[in-house]
C-alpha atoms as a PDB file:
ATOM      1  CA  UNK A   1     -16.021  11.563 -19.115  1.00  0.00           C
ATOM      2  CA  UNK A   2     -13.591  12.180 -21.942  1.00  0.00           C
ATOM      3  CA  UNK A   3     -12.215  15.646 -22.515  1.00  0.00           C
ATOM      4  CA  UNK A   4     -12.116  16.722 -26.168  1.00  0.00           C
ATOM      5  CA  UNK A   5      -8.391  17.426 -25.720  1.00  0.00           C
ATOM      6  CA  UNK A   6      -7.907  13.722 -24.992  1.00  0.00           C
ATOM      7  CA  UNK A   7      -8.896  12.606 -28.507  1.00  0.00           C
ATOM      8  CA  UNK A   8      -5.980  12.027 -30.857  1.00  0.00           C
ATOM      9  CA  UNK A   9      -5.325  10.249 -34.149  1.00  0.00           C
ATOM     10  CA  UNK A  10      -3.552   6.905 -33.811  1.00  0.00           C
ATOM     11  CA  UNK A  11      -0.856   8.075 -36.202  1.00  0.00           C
ATOM     12  CA  UNK A  12      -0.016  10.977 -33.870  1.00  0.00           C
ATOM     13  CA  UNK A  13       0.236   8.568 -30.949  1.00  0.00           C
ATOM     14  CA  UNK A  14       2.542   6.273 -32.907  1.00  0.00           C
ATOM     15  CA  UNK A  15       4.674   9.176 -34.062  1.00  0.00           C
ATOM     16  CA  UNK A  16       5.070  10.769 -30.607  1.00  0.00           C
ATOM     17  CA  UNK A  17       4.141   8.035 -28.135  1.00  0.00           C
ATOM     18  CA  UNK A  18       6.550   9.309 -25.473  1.00  0.00           C
ATOM     19  CA  UNK A  19       4.661  12.613 -25.125  1.00  0.00           C
ATOM     20  CA  UNK A  20       1.335  10.794 -24.998  1.00  0.00           C
ATOM     21  CA  UNK A  21       2.561   8.381 -22.328  1.00  0.00           C
ATOM     22  CA  UNK A  22       3.843  11.281 -20.233  1.00  0.00           C
ATOM     23  CA  UNK A  23       0.460  13.029 -20.543  1.00  0.00           C
ATOM     24  CA  UNK A  24      -1.389   9.828 -19.608  1.00  0.00           C
ATOM     25  CA  UNK A  25       0.694   9.442 -16.473  1.00  0.00           C
ATOM     26  CA  UNK A  26       0.490  13.119 -15.513  1.00  0.00           C
ATOM     27  CA  UNK A  27      -3.273  13.519 -15.966  1.00  0.00           C
ATOM     28  CA  UNK A  28      -4.542  10.019 -15.162  1.00  0.00           C
ATOM     29  CA  UNK A  29      -7.137  10.544 -17.890  1.00  0.00           C
ATOM     30  CA  UNK A  30      -7.507   8.113 -20.783  1.00  0.00           C
ATOM     31  CA  UNK A  31      -6.971   9.081 -24.404  1.00  0.00           C
ATOM     32  CA  UNK A  32      -9.178   8.052 -27.275  1.00  0.00           C
ATOM     33  CA  UNK A  33      -7.232   7.204 -30.398  1.00  0.00           C
ATOM     34  CA  UNK A  34      -8.964   7.568 -33.733  1.00  0.00           C
ATOM     35  CA  UNK A  35      -8.520   5.968 -37.135  1.00  0.00           C
ATOM     36  CA  UNK A  36     -10.015   7.860 -40.063  1.00  0.00           C
ATOM     37  CA  UNK A  37     -11.768  10.157 -37.595  1.00  0.00           C
ATOM     38  CA  UNK A  38     -13.537   7.354 -35.716  1.00  0.00           C
ATOM     39  CA  UNK A  39     -12.782   6.235 -32.165  1.00  0.00           C
ATOM     40  CA  UNK A  40     -10.930   2.906 -32.237  1.00  0.00           C
ATOM     41  CA  UNK A  41      -8.861   2.511 -29.073  1.00  0.00           C
ATOM     42  CA  UNK A  42      -8.776   3.844 -25.527  1.00  0.00           C
ATOM     43  CA  UNK A  43      -5.339   4.106 -23.916  1.00  0.00           C
ATOM     44  CA  UNK A  44      -4.923   4.632 -20.191  1.00  0.00           C
ATOM     45  CA  UNK A  45      -2.126   4.817 -17.622  1.00  0.00           C
ATOM     46  CA  UNK A  46      -1.820   1.515 -15.712  1.00  0.00           C
ATOM     47  CA  UNK A  47      -2.195   3.146 -12.277  1.00  0.00           C
ATOM     48  CA  UNK A  48      -5.359   4.987 -13.348  1.00  0.00           C
ATOM     49  CA  UNK A  49      -6.721   1.755 -14.853  1.00  0.00           C
ATOM     50  CA  UNK A  50      -6.100  -0.172 -11.628  1.00  0.00           C
ATOM     51  CA  UNK A  51      -7.861   2.537  -9.605  1.00  0.00           C
ATOM     52  CA  UNK A  52     -10.822   2.403 -11.980  1.00  0.00           C
ATOM     53  CA  UNK A  53     -10.998  -1.394 -11.752  1.00  0.00           C
ATOM     54  CA  UNK A  54     -10.930  -1.211  -7.936  1.00  0.00           C
ATOM     55  CA  UNK A  55     -13.992   1.040  -8.102  1.00  0.00           C
ATOM     56  CA  UNK A  56     -15.717  -1.363 -10.499  1.00  0.00           C
ATOM     57  CA  UNK A  57     -14.987  -4.302  -8.170  1.00  0.00           C
ATOM     58  CA  UNK A  58     -16.317  -2.389  -5.159  1.00  0.00           C
ATOM     59  CA  UNK A  59     -19.488  -1.448  -7.041  1.00  0.00           C
ATOM     60  CA  UNK A  60     -19.999  -5.054  -8.158  1.00  0.00           C
ATOM     61  CA  UNK A  61     -19.545  -6.339  -4.600  1.00  0.00           C
ATOM     62  CA  UNK A  62     -22.055  -3.785  -3.336  1.00  0.00           C
ATOM     63  CA  UNK A  63     -24.536  -4.795  -6.061  1.00  0.00           C
ATOM     64  CA  UNK A  64     -24.264  -8.452  -5.039  1.00  0.00           C
ATOM     65  CA  UNK A  65     -24.784  -7.631  -1.357  1.00  0.00           C
ATOM     66  CA  UNK A  66     -27.796  -5.436  -2.165  1.00  0.00           C
ATOM     67  CA  UNK A  67     -29.327  -8.227  -4.277  1.00  0.00           C
ATOM     68  CA  UNK A  68     -28.814 -10.765  -1.488  1.00  0.00           C
ATOM     69  CA  UNK A  69     -30.320  -8.451   1.134  1.00  0.00           C
ATOM     70  CA  UNK A  70     -33.288  -7.668  -1.118  1.00  0.00           C
ATOM     71  CA  UNK A  71     -33.940 -11.372  -1.628  1.00  0.00           C
ATOM     72  CA  UNK A  72     -34.077 -11.846   2.143  1.00  0.00           C
ATOM     73  CA  UNK A  73     -36.531  -8.942   2.418  1.00  0.00           C
ATOM     74  CA  UNK A  74     -38.987 -10.736   0.099  1.00  0.00           C
ATOM     75  CA  UNK A  75     -38.695 -14.007   2.006  1.00  0.00           C
ATOM     76  CA  UNK A  76     -36.339 -15.932  -0.231  1.00  0.00           C
ATOM     77  CA  UNK A  77     -34.033 -18.443   1.374  1.00  0.00           C
ATOM     78  CA  UNK A  78     -30.694 -16.930   2.306  1.00  0.00           C
ATOM     79  CA  UNK A  79     -27.196 -18.040   1.419  1.00  0.00           C
ATOM     80  CA  UNK A  80     -25.106 -19.529   4.239  1.00  0.00           C
ATOM     81  CA  UNK A  81     -22.714 -16.991   5.758  1.00  0.00           C
ATOM     82  CA  UNK A  82     -19.638 -19.116   5.037  1.00  0.00           C
ATOM     83  CA  UNK A  83     -20.588 -19.193   1.339  1.00  0.00           C
ATOM     84  CA  UNK A  84     -21.014 -15.412   1.197  1.00  0.00           C
ATOM     85  CA  UNK A  85     -17.748 -14.812   3.038  1.00  0.00           C
ATOM     86  CA  UNK A  86     -15.937 -17.230   0.724  1.00  0.00           C
ATOM     87  CA  UNK A  87     -17.294 -15.310  -2.283  1.00  0.00           C
ATOM     88  CA  UNK A  88     -16.198 -11.982  -0.785  1.00  0.00           C
ATOM     89  CA  UNK A  89     -12.780 -13.413   0.078  1.00  0.00           C
ATOM     90  CA  UNK A  90     -12.428 -14.736  -3.479  1.00  0.00           C
ATOM     91  CA  UNK A  91     -13.565 -11.446  -4.993  1.00  0.00           C
ATOM     92  CA  UNK A  92     -11.056  -9.532  -2.897  1.00  0.00           C
ATOM     93  CA  UNK A  93      -8.420 -12.122  -3.760  1.00  0.00           C
ATOM     94  CA  UNK A  94      -7.680 -12.798  -0.097  1.00  0.00           C
ATOM     95  CA  UNK A  95      -6.271 -16.061   1.185  1.00  0.00           C
ATOM     96  CA  UNK A  96      -8.405 -17.902   3.619  1.00  0.00           C
END
């Protein structure tokens, strides 16, 4: 959720980007930058972005596993274990 204090005009960001970057790093919250009063860009600290993407990846992996388990529950043919493990390994970017 975006805090109303995290909405700023793009011109203010360009004028004082150092302060904005410090705030992004300190809070971990994204900022919404506006142009003519309308949201145009979301800016986020790299570490906070990576943490968010890790959560998205975990949720996507869980969704896939739930779908596969549900398909087995209704009698659909399963996917070979080595195929599933290869997909998980690939998704986690592990060597194997």
